[in-house]
N, C-alpha and C. Protein backbone atom coordinates (compact mmCIF):
# COMPACT_ATOMS: atom_id res chain seq x y z
N MET A 1 6.05 -1.96 -4.42
CA MET A 1 5.89 -3.39 -4.24
C MET A 1 5.28 -3.98 -5.50
N GLU A 2 5.89 -5.00 -5.99
CA GLU A 2 5.31 -5.66 -7.14
C GLU A 2 4.21 -6.63 -6.71
N ASP A 3 4.37 -7.24 -5.57
CA ASP A 3 3.38 -8.22 -5.09
C ASP A 3 3.02 -7.89 -3.64
N GLU A 4 2.06 -6.99 -3.49
CA GLU A 4 1.72 -6.54 -2.14
C GLU A 4 1.18 -7.67 -1.27
N GLN A 5 0.51 -8.63 -1.88
CA GLN A 5 -0.01 -9.76 -1.10
C GLN A 5 1.15 -10.56 -0.48
N MET A 6 2.22 -10.76 -1.24
CA MET A 6 3.38 -11.47 -0.72
C MET A 6 4.06 -10.67 0.40
N VAL A 7 4.14 -9.37 0.23
CA VAL A 7 4.75 -8.51 1.25
C VAL A 7 3.93 -8.56 2.54
N LEU A 8 2.62 -8.46 2.42
CA LEU A 8 1.77 -8.53 3.61
C LEU A 8 1.88 -9.88 4.30
N GLN A 9 1.97 -10.94 3.51
CA GLN A 9 2.13 -12.28 4.08
C GLN A 9 3.44 -12.37 4.85
N ARG A 10 4.51 -11.83 4.27
CA ARG A 10 5.83 -11.88 4.93
C ARG A 10 5.82 -11.06 6.22
N ILE A 11 5.19 -9.90 6.19
CA ILE A 11 5.08 -9.08 7.40
C ILE A 11 4.34 -9.87 8.48
N ASN A 12 3.27 -10.54 8.09
CA ASN A 12 2.49 -11.34 9.04
C ASN A 12 3.35 -12.45 9.65
N GLU A 13 4.22 -13.06 8.84
CA GLU A 13 5.11 -14.11 9.34
C GLU A 13 6.13 -13.57 10.33
N LEU A 14 6.59 -12.35 10.10
CA LEU A 14 7.63 -11.77 10.95
C LEU A 14 7.10 -11.23 12.28
N LEU A 15 5.82 -10.88 12.30
CA LEU A 15 5.24 -10.35 13.54
C LEU A 15 5.07 -11.46 14.57
N ARG A 16 5.32 -11.12 15.80
CA ARG A 16 5.05 -12.07 16.88
C ARG A 16 3.53 -12.25 16.99
N PRO A 17 3.08 -13.35 17.56
CA PRO A 17 1.63 -13.53 17.75
C PRO A 17 1.05 -12.33 18.52
N GLY A 18 0.00 -11.77 17.99
CA GLY A 18 -0.61 -10.59 18.59
C GLY A 18 0.14 -9.31 18.28
N GLY A 19 1.20 -9.41 17.44
CA GLY A 19 2.01 -8.24 17.11
C GLY A 19 1.22 -7.24 16.29
N LEU A 20 1.73 -6.04 16.22
CA LEU A 20 1.04 -4.94 15.55
C LEU A 20 2.01 -4.24 14.60
N LEU A 21 1.60 -4.04 13.38
CA LEU A 21 2.37 -3.27 12.42
C LEU A 21 1.75 -1.89 12.33
N ILE A 22 2.57 -0.88 12.50
CA ILE A 22 2.09 0.50 12.37
C ILE A 22 2.79 1.10 11.15
N SER A 23 2.01 1.57 10.20
CA SER A 23 2.55 2.15 8.98
C SER A 23 2.07 3.58 8.84
N ALA A 24 2.97 4.44 8.44
CA ALA A 24 2.61 5.84 8.21
C ALA A 24 2.45 6.13 6.72
N THR A 25 2.14 5.10 5.97
CA THR A 25 1.98 5.23 4.53
C THR A 25 0.60 5.79 4.21
N PRO A 26 0.54 6.89 3.47
CA PRO A 26 -0.78 7.44 3.13
C PRO A 26 -1.48 6.56 2.10
N CYS A 27 -2.77 6.48 2.20
CA CYS A 27 -3.57 5.76 1.20
C CYS A 27 -3.88 6.74 0.08
N VAL A 28 -2.99 6.78 -0.90
CA VAL A 28 -3.10 7.75 -1.98
C VAL A 28 -4.41 7.59 -2.74
N GLY A 29 -4.95 6.38 -2.78
CA GLY A 29 -6.20 6.15 -3.49
C GLY A 29 -7.37 6.93 -2.92
N GLU A 30 -7.25 7.38 -1.69
CA GLU A 30 -8.31 8.17 -1.05
C GLU A 30 -8.21 9.65 -1.41
N LYS A 31 -7.09 10.05 -1.98
CA LYS A 31 -6.85 11.47 -2.27
C LYS A 31 -6.71 11.66 -3.78
N LEU A 32 -7.80 11.99 -4.43
CA LEU A 32 -7.85 12.06 -5.89
C LEU A 32 -6.83 13.04 -6.46
N LEU A 33 -6.69 14.21 -5.87
CA LEU A 33 -5.75 15.20 -6.39
C LEU A 33 -4.31 14.69 -6.28
N LEU A 34 -3.94 14.16 -5.12
CA LEU A 34 -2.58 13.63 -4.93
C LEU A 34 -2.32 12.46 -5.87
N LYS A 35 -3.28 11.58 -5.99
CA LYS A 35 -3.15 10.43 -6.90
C LYS A 35 -2.91 10.91 -8.32
N SER A 36 -3.67 11.91 -8.76
CA SER A 36 -3.53 12.45 -10.12
C SER A 36 -2.18 13.12 -10.32
N LEU A 37 -1.72 13.89 -9.34
CA LEU A 37 -0.43 14.55 -9.44
C LEU A 37 0.71 13.54 -9.51
N LEU A 38 0.64 12.50 -8.70
CA LEU A 38 1.69 11.47 -8.71
C LEU A 38 1.69 10.71 -10.03
N TRP A 39 0.52 10.42 -10.57
CA TRP A 39 0.43 9.75 -11.86
C TRP A 39 1.07 10.62 -12.94
N PHE A 40 0.72 11.90 -12.94
CA PHE A 40 1.25 12.84 -13.93
C PHE A 40 2.77 12.95 -13.81
N ALA A 41 3.28 13.08 -12.58
CA ALA A 41 4.73 13.17 -12.35
C ALA A 41 5.43 11.89 -12.81
N GLY A 42 4.78 10.75 -12.62
CA GLY A 42 5.35 9.48 -13.05
C GLY A 42 5.49 9.39 -14.55
N LYS A 43 4.57 10.00 -15.28
CA LYS A 43 4.63 9.98 -16.74
C LYS A 43 5.86 10.72 -17.27
N PHE A 44 6.39 11.66 -16.47
CA PHE A 44 7.57 12.42 -16.85
C PHE A 44 8.83 11.91 -16.15
N GLY A 45 8.71 10.77 -15.48
CA GLY A 45 9.87 10.18 -14.81
C GLY A 45 10.30 10.90 -13.54
N LEU A 46 9.41 11.73 -12.99
CA LEU A 46 9.75 12.48 -11.78
C LEU A 46 9.54 11.67 -10.50
N THR A 47 8.73 10.64 -10.58
CA THR A 47 8.49 9.76 -9.44
C THR A 47 8.55 8.31 -9.92
N PRO A 48 8.83 7.39 -9.00
CA PRO A 48 8.80 5.98 -9.40
C PRO A 48 7.35 5.53 -9.61
N ASP A 49 7.18 4.32 -10.10
CA ASP A 49 5.83 3.77 -10.26
C ASP A 49 5.18 3.67 -8.89
N ILE A 50 4.06 4.30 -8.74
CA ILE A 50 3.35 4.33 -7.45
C ILE A 50 2.00 3.68 -7.63
N ARG A 51 1.74 2.66 -6.82
CA ARG A 51 0.43 2.01 -6.84
C ARG A 51 -0.40 2.62 -5.72
N SER A 52 -1.61 2.97 -6.05
CA SER A 52 -2.46 3.60 -5.04
C SER A 52 -3.48 2.61 -4.51
N PHE A 53 -3.76 2.74 -3.24
CA PHE A 53 -4.71 1.87 -2.56
C PHE A 53 -5.73 2.71 -1.83
N LYS A 54 -6.89 2.14 -1.68
CA LYS A 54 -7.90 2.73 -0.81
C LYS A 54 -7.89 1.94 0.49
N ILE A 55 -8.34 2.54 1.55
CA ILE A 55 -8.32 1.90 2.87
C ILE A 55 -9.07 0.58 2.83
N ARG A 56 -10.22 0.53 2.17
CA ARG A 56 -10.98 -0.73 2.13
C ARG A 56 -10.21 -1.84 1.42
N ASP A 57 -9.41 -1.47 0.40
CA ASP A 57 -8.61 -2.47 -0.31
C ASP A 57 -7.56 -3.08 0.62
N LEU A 58 -6.91 -2.26 1.41
CA LEU A 58 -5.90 -2.74 2.35
C LEU A 58 -6.52 -3.62 3.42
N ARG A 59 -7.69 -3.23 3.89
CA ARG A 59 -8.37 -4.07 4.90
C ARG A 59 -8.71 -5.44 4.33
N THR A 60 -9.17 -5.47 3.08
CA THR A 60 -9.51 -6.73 2.42
C THR A 60 -8.26 -7.59 2.27
N GLN A 61 -7.17 -6.99 1.82
CA GLN A 61 -5.92 -7.74 1.66
C GLN A 61 -5.41 -8.26 3.00
N ARG A 62 -5.51 -7.42 4.02
CA ARG A 62 -5.06 -7.83 5.35
C ARG A 62 -5.87 -9.02 5.84
N ALA A 63 -7.16 -9.01 5.60
CA ALA A 63 -8.03 -10.11 6.03
C ALA A 63 -7.67 -11.39 5.30
N ASP A 64 -7.27 -11.28 4.03
CA ASP A 64 -6.88 -12.45 3.25
C ASP A 64 -5.59 -13.07 3.77
N VAL A 65 -4.71 -12.27 4.33
CA VAL A 65 -3.41 -12.75 4.82
C VAL A 65 -3.54 -13.42 6.17
N VAL A 66 -4.34 -12.85 7.04
CA VAL A 66 -4.45 -13.35 8.42
C VAL A 66 -5.16 -14.63 8.51
């Protein structure tokens, strides 16, 4: 996602009132080894550009959207 704030806003618009979004996306920012491996793999073109988030960051962004 280039603009995660826009994506979260759009998801919020699509959800029915009181709706719930369930995501199985891991918070790579919480896992230092995985984050480092993905960054390293990205430098060699083995993975796409991956932005890492920590759980608290997502909660803050979610609060800004709602």
